[in-house]
Amino acid sequence: MTGESGPKARGDLHPHGQVGDAQRARDEAVVRWWHTAKRITWIVLIGGAFLVYYLFDKLAEALSLLK
């Protein structure tokens, strides 16, 4: 038996339907597309950083052979 101060339904736990709104926002196609674009951008940036590091290492090795 619940008292007057206790929640009576599951919907009373989260006022104004915030959980439902957040879930709908994650499910929208535009939001999914932006998350995918963000993930691809990070992967490309990290891969590019490793490539630049590798090329600078090889450049330093090549320049040290000239001495």
PDB file of N, CA and C in Angstrom:
ATOM      1  N   MET A   1       0.847  -1.167   0.000  1.00  0.00           N
ATOM      2  CA  MET A   1       0.000   0.000   0.000  1.00  0.00           C
ATOM      3  C   MET A   1       0.893   1.230   0.000  1.00  0.00           C
ATOM      4  N   THR A   2       0.685   2.118  -0.961  1.00  0.00           N
ATOM      5  CA  THR A   2       1.508   3.323  -1.049  1.00  0.00           C
ATOM      6  C   THR A   2       0.803   4.471  -0.364  1.00  0.00           C
ATOM      7  N   GLY A   3       1.618   5.332   0.239  1.00  0.00           N
ATOM      8  CA  GLY A   3       1.074   6.505   0.906  1.00  0.00           C
ATOM      9  C   GLY A   3       0.840   7.640  -0.076  1.00  0.00           C
ATOM     10  N   GLU A   4       0.424   8.750   0.424  1.00  0.00           N
ATOM     11  CA  GLU A   4       0.163   9.908  -0.429  1.00  0.00           C
ATOM     12  C   GLU A   4       1.456  10.452  -1.051  1.00  0.00           C
ATOM     13  N   SER A   5       2.592  10.312  -0.356  1.00  0.00           N
ATOM     14  CA  SER A   5       3.826  10.900  -0.860  1.00  0.00           C
ATOM     15  C   SER A   5       4.555   9.988  -1.856  1.00  0.00           C
ATOM     16  N   GLY A   6       4.221   8.721  -1.928  1.00  0.00           N
ATOM     17  CA  GLY A   6       4.907   7.791  -2.814  1.00  0.00           C
ATOM     18  C   GLY A   6       4.402   7.884  -4.245  1.00  0.00           C
ATOM     19  N   PRO A   7       5.233   7.483  -5.209  1.00  0.00           N
ATOM     20  CA  PRO A   7       4.790   7.503  -6.605  1.00  0.00           C
ATOM     21  C   PRO A   7       3.712   6.452  -6.842  1.00  0.00           C
ATOM     22  N   LYS A   8       2.739   6.810  -7.633  1.00  0.00           N
ATOM     23  CA  LYS A   8       1.624   5.904  -7.884  1.00  0.00           C
ATOM     24  C   LYS A   8       1.791   5.142  -9.189  1.00  0.00           C
ATOM     25  N   ALA A   9       2.571   5.685 -10.089  1.00  0.00           N
ATOM     26  CA  ALA A   9       2.776   5.017 -11.372  1.00  0.00           C
ATOM     27  C   ALA A   9       4.219   5.243 -11.811  1.00  0.00           C
ATOM     28  N   ARG A  10       4.639   4.467 -12.775  1.00  0.00           N
ATOM     29  CA  ARG A  10       6.011   4.606 -13.271  1.00  0.00           C
ATOM     30  C   ARG A  10       6.236   5.983 -13.887  1.00  0.00           C
ATOM     31  N   GLY A  11       5.249   6.551 -14.512  1.00  0.00           N
ATOM     32  CA  GLY A  11       5.371   7.862 -15.130  1.00  0.00           C
ATOM     33  C   GLY A  11       5.600   8.972 -14.135  1.00  0.00           C
ATOM     34  N   ASP A  12       5.229   8.758 -12.872  1.00  0.00           N
ATOM     35  CA  ASP A  12       5.421   9.780 -11.852  1.00  0.00           C
ATOM     36  C   ASP A  12       6.886   9.910 -11.434  1.00  0.00           C
ATOM     37  N   LEU A  13       7.708   8.913 -11.753  1.00  0.00           N
ATOM     38  CA  LEU A  13       9.108   8.966 -11.357  1.00  0.00           C
ATOM     39  C   LEU A  13       9.881  10.023 -12.143  1.00  0.00           C
ATOM     40  N   HIS A  14       9.524  10.236 -13.393  1.00  0.00           N
ATOM     41  CA  HIS A  14      10.211  11.204 -14.248  1.00  0.00           C
ATOM     42  C   HIS A  14       9.180  12.231 -14.727  1.00  0.00           C
ATOM     43  N   PRO A  15       9.187  13.414 -14.126  1.00  0.00           N
ATOM     44  CA  PRO A  15       8.181  14.404 -14.491  1.00  0.00           C
ATOM     45  C   PRO A  15       8.352  14.900 -15.918  1.00  0.00           C
ATOM     46  N   HIS A  16       7.268  15.248 -16.522  1.00  0.00           N
ATOM     47  CA  HIS A  16       7.195  15.833 -17.865  1.00  0.00           C
ATOM     48  C   HIS A  16       7.698  14.901 -18.955  1.00  0.00           C
ATOM     49  N   GLY A  17       7.763  13.636 -18.713  1.00  0.00           N
ATOM     50  CA  GLY A  17       8.145  12.672 -19.743  1.00  0.00           C
ATOM     51  C   GLY A  17       9.555  12.852 -20.260  1.00  0.00           C
ATOM     52  N   GLN A  18      10.499  13.218 -19.425  1.00  0.00           N
ATOM     53  CA  GLN A  18      11.861  13.495 -19.867  1.00  0.00           C
ATOM     54  C   GLN A  18      12.536  12.256 -20.442  1.00  0.00           C
ATOM     55  N   VAL A  19      12.267  11.119 -19.907  1.00  0.00           N
ATOM     56  CA  VAL A  19      12.890   9.898 -20.405  1.00  0.00           C
ATOM     57  C   VAL A  19      12.397   9.608 -21.811  1.00  0.00           C
ATOM     58  N   GLY A  20      11.132   9.747 -22.058  1.00  0.00           N
ATOM     59  CA  GLY A  20      10.580   9.505 -23.385  1.00  0.00           C
ATOM     60  C   GLY A  20      11.109  10.490 -24.408  1.00  0.00           C
ATOM     61  N   ASP A  21      11.233  11.760 -24.035  1.00  0.00           N
ATOM     62  CA  ASP A  21      11.754  12.765 -24.952  1.00  0.00           C
ATOM     63  C   ASP A  21      13.207  12.485 -25.304  1.00  0.00           C
ATOM     64  N   ALA A  22      14.005  12.100 -24.331  1.00  0.00           N
ATOM     65  CA  ALA A  22      15.413  11.804 -24.585  1.00  0.00           C
ATOM     66  C   ALA A  22      15.545  10.596 -25.505  1.00  0.00           C
ATOM     67  N   GLN A  23      14.718   9.596 -25.298  1.00  0.00           N
ATOM     68  CA  GLN A  23      14.770   8.404 -26.142  1.00  0.00           C
ATOM     69  C   GLN A  23      14.361   8.742 -27.567  1.00  0.00           C
ATOM     70  N   ARG A  24      13.335   9.551 -27.725  1.00  0.00           N
ATOM     71  CA  ARG A  24      12.908   9.945 -29.069  1.00  0.00           C
ATOM     72  C   ARG A  24      13.982  10.758 -29.769  1.00  0.00           C
ATOM     73  N   ALA A  25      14.696  11.611 -29.045  1.00  0.00           N
ATOM     74  CA  ALA A  25      15.759  12.423 -29.636  1.00  0.00           C
ATOM     75  C   ALA A  25      16.894  11.531 -30.143  1.00  0.00           C
ATOM     76  N   ARG A  26      17.232  10.476 -29.390  1.00  0.00           N
ATOM     77  CA  ARG A  26      18.289   9.563 -29.827  1.00  0.00           C
ATOM     78  C   ARG A  26      17.855   8.753 -31.035  1.00  0.00           C
ATOM     79  N   ASP A  27      16.568   8.514 -31.188  1.00  0.00           N
ATOM     80  CA  ASP A  27      16.071   7.671 -32.266  1.00  0.00           C
ATOM     81  C   ASP A  27      15.876   8.422 -33.582  1.00  0.00           C
ATOM     82  N   GLU A  28      15.946   9.739 -33.580  1.00  0.00           N
ATOM     83  CA  GLU A  28      15.723  10.491 -34.807  1.00  0.00           C
ATOM     84  C   GLU A  28      16.853  10.225 -35.791  1.00  0.00           C
ATOM     85  N   ALA A  29      16.498  10.188 -37.077  1.00  0.00           N
ATOM     86  CA  ALA A  29      17.468   9.867 -38.117  1.00  0.00           C
ATOM     87  C   ALA A  29      18.579  10.903 -38.191  1.00  0.00           C
ATOM     88  N   VAL A  30      18.244  12.162 -38.026  1.00  0.00           N
ATOM     89  CA  VAL A  30      19.257  13.220 -38.104  1.00  0.00           C
ATOM     90  C   VAL A  30      20.263  13.073 -36.977  1.00  0.00           C
ATOM     91  N   VAL A  31      19.788  12.769 -35.796  1.00  0.00           N
ATOM     92  CA  VAL A  31      20.691  12.607 -34.649  1.00  0.00           C
ATOM     93  C   VAL A  31      21.585  11.399 -34.860  1.00  0.00           C
ATOM     94  N   ARG A  32      21.035  10.306 -35.362  1.00  0.00           N
ATOM     95  CA  ARG A  32      21.855   9.121 -35.642  1.00  0.00           C
ATOM     96  C   ARG A  32      22.909   9.436 -36.687  1.00  0.00           C
ATOM     97  N   TRP A  33      22.532  10.220 -37.734  1.00  0.00           N
ATOM     98  CA  TRP A  33      23.471  10.581 -38.784  1.00  0.00           C
ATOM     99  C   TRP A  33      24.607  11.416 -38.214  1.00  0.00           C
ATOM    100  N   TRP A  34      24.303  12.376 -37.350  1.00  0.00           N
ATOM    101  CA  TRP A  34      25.350  13.219 -36.755  1.00  0.00           C
ATOM    102  C   TRP A  34      26.272  12.413 -35.851  1.00  0.00           C
ATOM    103  N   HIS A  35      25.734  11.444 -35.120  1.00  0.00           N
ATOM    104  CA  HIS A  35      26.580  10.596 -34.276  1.00  0.00           C
ATOM    105  C   HIS A  35      27.517   9.749 -35.145  1.00  0.00           C
ATOM    106  N   THR A  36      27.004   9.259 -36.268  1.00  0.00           N
ATOM    107  CA  THR A  36      27.833   8.482 -37.185  1.00  0.00           C
ATOM    108  C   THR A  36      28.920   9.361 -37.794  1.00  0.00           C
ATOM    109  N   ALA A  37      28.556  10.559 -38.203  1.00  0.00           N
ATOM    110  CA  ALA A  37      29.538  11.488 -38.776  1.00  0.00           C
ATOM    111  C   ALA A  37      30.609  11.848 -37.750  1.00  0.00           C
ATOM    112  N   LYS A  38      30.203  12.033 -36.507  1.00  0.00           N
ATOM    113  CA  LYS A  38      31.166  12.351 -35.444  1.00  0.00           C
ATOM    114  C   LYS A  38      32.132  11.195 -35.234  1.00  0.00           C
ATOM    115  N   ARG A  39      31.616   9.971 -35.216  1.00  0.00           N
ATOM    116  CA  ARG A  39      32.457   8.787 -35.027  1.00  0.00           C
ATOM    117  C   ARG A  39      33.449   8.646 -36.182  1.00  0.00           C
ATOM    118  N   ILE A  40      32.981   8.832 -37.423  1.00  0.00           N
ATOM    119  CA  ILE A  40      33.861   8.724 -38.587  1.00  0.00           C
ATOM    120  C   ILE A  40      34.931   9.804 -38.546  1.00  0.00           C
ATOM    121  N   THR A  41      34.555  11.021 -38.157  1.00  0.00           N
ATOM    122  CA  THR A  41      35.513  12.119 -38.070  1.00  0.00           C
ATOM    123  C   THR A  41      36.609  11.807 -37.069  1.00  0.00           C
ATOM    124  N   TRP A  42      36.250  11.284 -35.902  1.00  0.00           N
ATOM    125  CA  TRP A  42      37.258  10.944 -34.897  1.00  0.00           C
ATOM    126  C   TRP A  42      38.191   9.848 -35.392  1.00  0.00           C
ATOM    127  N   ILE A  43      37.639   8.854 -36.073  1.00  0.00           N
ATOM    128  CA  ILE A  43      38.468   7.763 -36.588  1.00  0.00           C
ATOM    129  C   ILE A  43      39.458   8.291 -37.613  1.00  0.00           C
ATOM    130  N   VAL A  44      38.996   9.165 -38.512  1.00  0.00           N
ATOM    131  CA  VAL A  44      39.879   9.743 -39.533  1.00  0.00           C
ATOM    132  C   VAL A  44      40.951  10.610 -38.881  1.00  0.00           C
ATOM    133  N   LEU A  45      40.574  11.419 -37.893  1.00  0.00           N
ATOM    134  CA  LEU A  45      41.557  12.275 -37.223  1.00  0.00           C
ATOM    135  C   LEU A  45      42.617  11.463 -36.490  1.00  0.00           C
ATOM    136  N   ILE A  46      42.209  10.418 -35.808  1.00  0.00           N
ATOM    137  CA  ILE A  46      43.176   9.578 -35.086  1.00  0.00           C
ATOM    138  C   ILE A  46      44.083   8.846 -36.066  1.00  0.00           C
ATOM    139  N   GLY A  47      43.498   8.309 -37.141  1.00  0.00           N
ATOM    140  CA  GLY A  47      44.309   7.644 -38.162  1.00  0.00           C
ATOM    141  C   GLY A  47      45.292   8.609 -38.817  1.00  0.00           C
ATOM    142  N   GLY A  48      44.843   9.828 -39.100  1.00  0.00           N
ATOM    143  CA  GLY A  48      45.720  10.838 -39.683  1.00  0.00           C
ATOM    144  C   GLY A  48      46.842  11.228 -38.742  1.00  0.00           C
ATOM    145  N   ALA A  49      46.538  11.319 -37.457  1.00  0.00           N
ATOM    146  CA  ALA A  49      47.576  11.665 -36.482  1.00  0.00           C
ATOM    147  C   ALA A  49      48.649  10.578 -36.426  1.00  0.00           C
ATOM    148  N   PHE A  50      48.251   9.314 -36.439  1.00  0.00           N
ATOM    149  CA  PHE A  50      49.233   8.238 -36.444  1.00  0.00           C
ATOM    150  C   PHE A  50      50.048   8.236 -37.732  1.00  0.00           C
ATOM    151  N   LEU A  51      49.415   8.530 -38.862  1.00  0.00           N
ATOM    152  CA  LEU A  51      50.130   8.594 -40.138  1.00  0.00           C
ATOM    153  C   LEU A  51      51.161   9.719 -40.129  1.00  0.00           C
ATOM    154  N   VAL A  52      50.788  10.892 -39.642  1.00  0.00           N
ATOM    155  CA  VAL A  52      51.720  12.012 -39.563  1.00  0.00           C
ATOM    156  C   VAL A  52      52.879  11.675 -38.632  1.00  0.00           C
ATOM    157  N   TYR A  53      52.592  11.063 -37.502  1.00  0.00           N
ATOM    158  CA  TYR A  53      53.650  10.665 -36.572  1.00  0.00           C
ATOM    159  C   TYR A  53      54.621   9.697 -37.247  1.00  0.00           C
ATOM    160  N   TYR A  54      54.096   8.723 -37.964  1.00  0.00           N
ATOM    161  CA  TYR A  54      54.926   7.741 -38.657  1.00  0.00           C
ATOM    162  C   TYR A  54      55.789   8.415 -39.728  1.00  0.00           C
ATOM    163  N   LEU A  55      55.177   9.310 -40.507  1.00  0.00           N
ATOM    164  CA  LEU A  55      55.927   9.975 -41.564  1.00  0.00           C
ATOM    165  C   LEU A  55      57.015  10.889 -40.999  1.00  0.00           C
ATOM    166  N   PHE A  56      56.732  11.588 -39.908  1.00  0.00           N
ATOM    167  CA  PHE A  56      57.767  12.412 -39.284  1.00  0.00           C
ATOM    168  C   PHE A  56      58.897  11.553 -38.732  1.00  0.00           C
ATOM    169  N   ASP A  57      58.575  10.401 -38.203  1.00  0.00           N
ATOM    170  CA  ASP A  57      59.604   9.489 -37.706  1.00  0.00           C
ATOM    171  C   ASP A  57      60.501   9.030 -38.857  1.00  0.00           C
ATOM    172  N   LYS A  58      59.892   8.679 -39.982  1.00  0.00           N
ATOM    173  CA  LYS A  58      60.676   8.245 -41.147  1.00  0.00           C
ATOM    174  C   LYS A  58      61.490   9.409 -41.722  1.00  0.00           C
ATOM    175  N   LEU A  59      60.938  10.616 -41.701  1.00  0.00           N
ATOM    176  CA  LEU A  59      61.661  11.785 -42.172  1.00  0.00           C
ATOM    177  C   LEU A  59      62.875  12.056 -41.287  1.00  0.00           C
ATOM    178  N   ALA A  60      62.706  11.963 -39.981  1.00  0.00           N
ATOM    179  CA  ALA A  60      63.821  12.168 -39.058  1.00  0.00           C
ATOM    180  C   ALA A  60      64.889  11.102 -39.264  1.00  0.00           C
ATOM    181  N   GLU A  61      64.462   9.867 -39.523  1.00  0.00           N
ATOM    182  CA  GLU A  61      65.418   8.782 -39.790  1.00  0.00           C
ATOM    183  C   GLU A  61      66.178   9.044 -41.079  1.00  0.00           C
ATOM    184  N   ALA A  62      65.487   9.504 -42.106  1.00  0.00           N
ATOM    185  CA  ALA A  62      66.134   9.785 -43.401  1.00  0.00           C
ATOM    186  C   ALA A  62      67.098  10.953 -43.266  1.00  0.00           C
ATOM    187  N   LEU A  63      66.731  11.978 -42.514  1.00  0.00           N
ATOM    188  CA  LEU A  63      67.619  13.127 -42.359  1.00  0.00           C
ATOM    189  C   LEU A  63      68.852  12.781 -41.524  1.00  0.00           C
ATOM    190  N   SER A  64      68.705  11.844 -40.612  1.00  0.00           N
ATOM    191  CA  SER A  64      69.863  11.453 -39.794  1.00  0.00           C
ATOM    192  C   SER A  64      70.878  10.650 -40.637  1.00  0.00           C
ATOM    193  N   LEU A  65      70.450  10.037 -41.719  1.00  0.00           N
ATOM    194  CA  LEU A  65      71.359   9.280 -42.572  1.00  0.00           C
ATOM    195  C   LEU A  65      72.232  10.213 -43.417  1.00  0.00           C
ATOM    196  N   LEU A  66      71.794  11.445 -43.610  1.00  0.00           N
ATOM    197  CA  LEU A  66      72.532  12.389 -44.436  1.00  0.00           C
ATOM    198  C   LEU A  66      73.770  12.939 -43.719  1.00  0.00           C
ATOM    199  N   LYS A  67      73.834  12.851 -42.427  1.00  0.00           N
ATOM    200  CA  LYS A  67      74.967  13.413 -41.682  1.00  0.00           C
ATOM    201  C   LYS A  67      76.185  12.582 -41.761  1.00  0.00           C
TER     202      LYS A  67
END
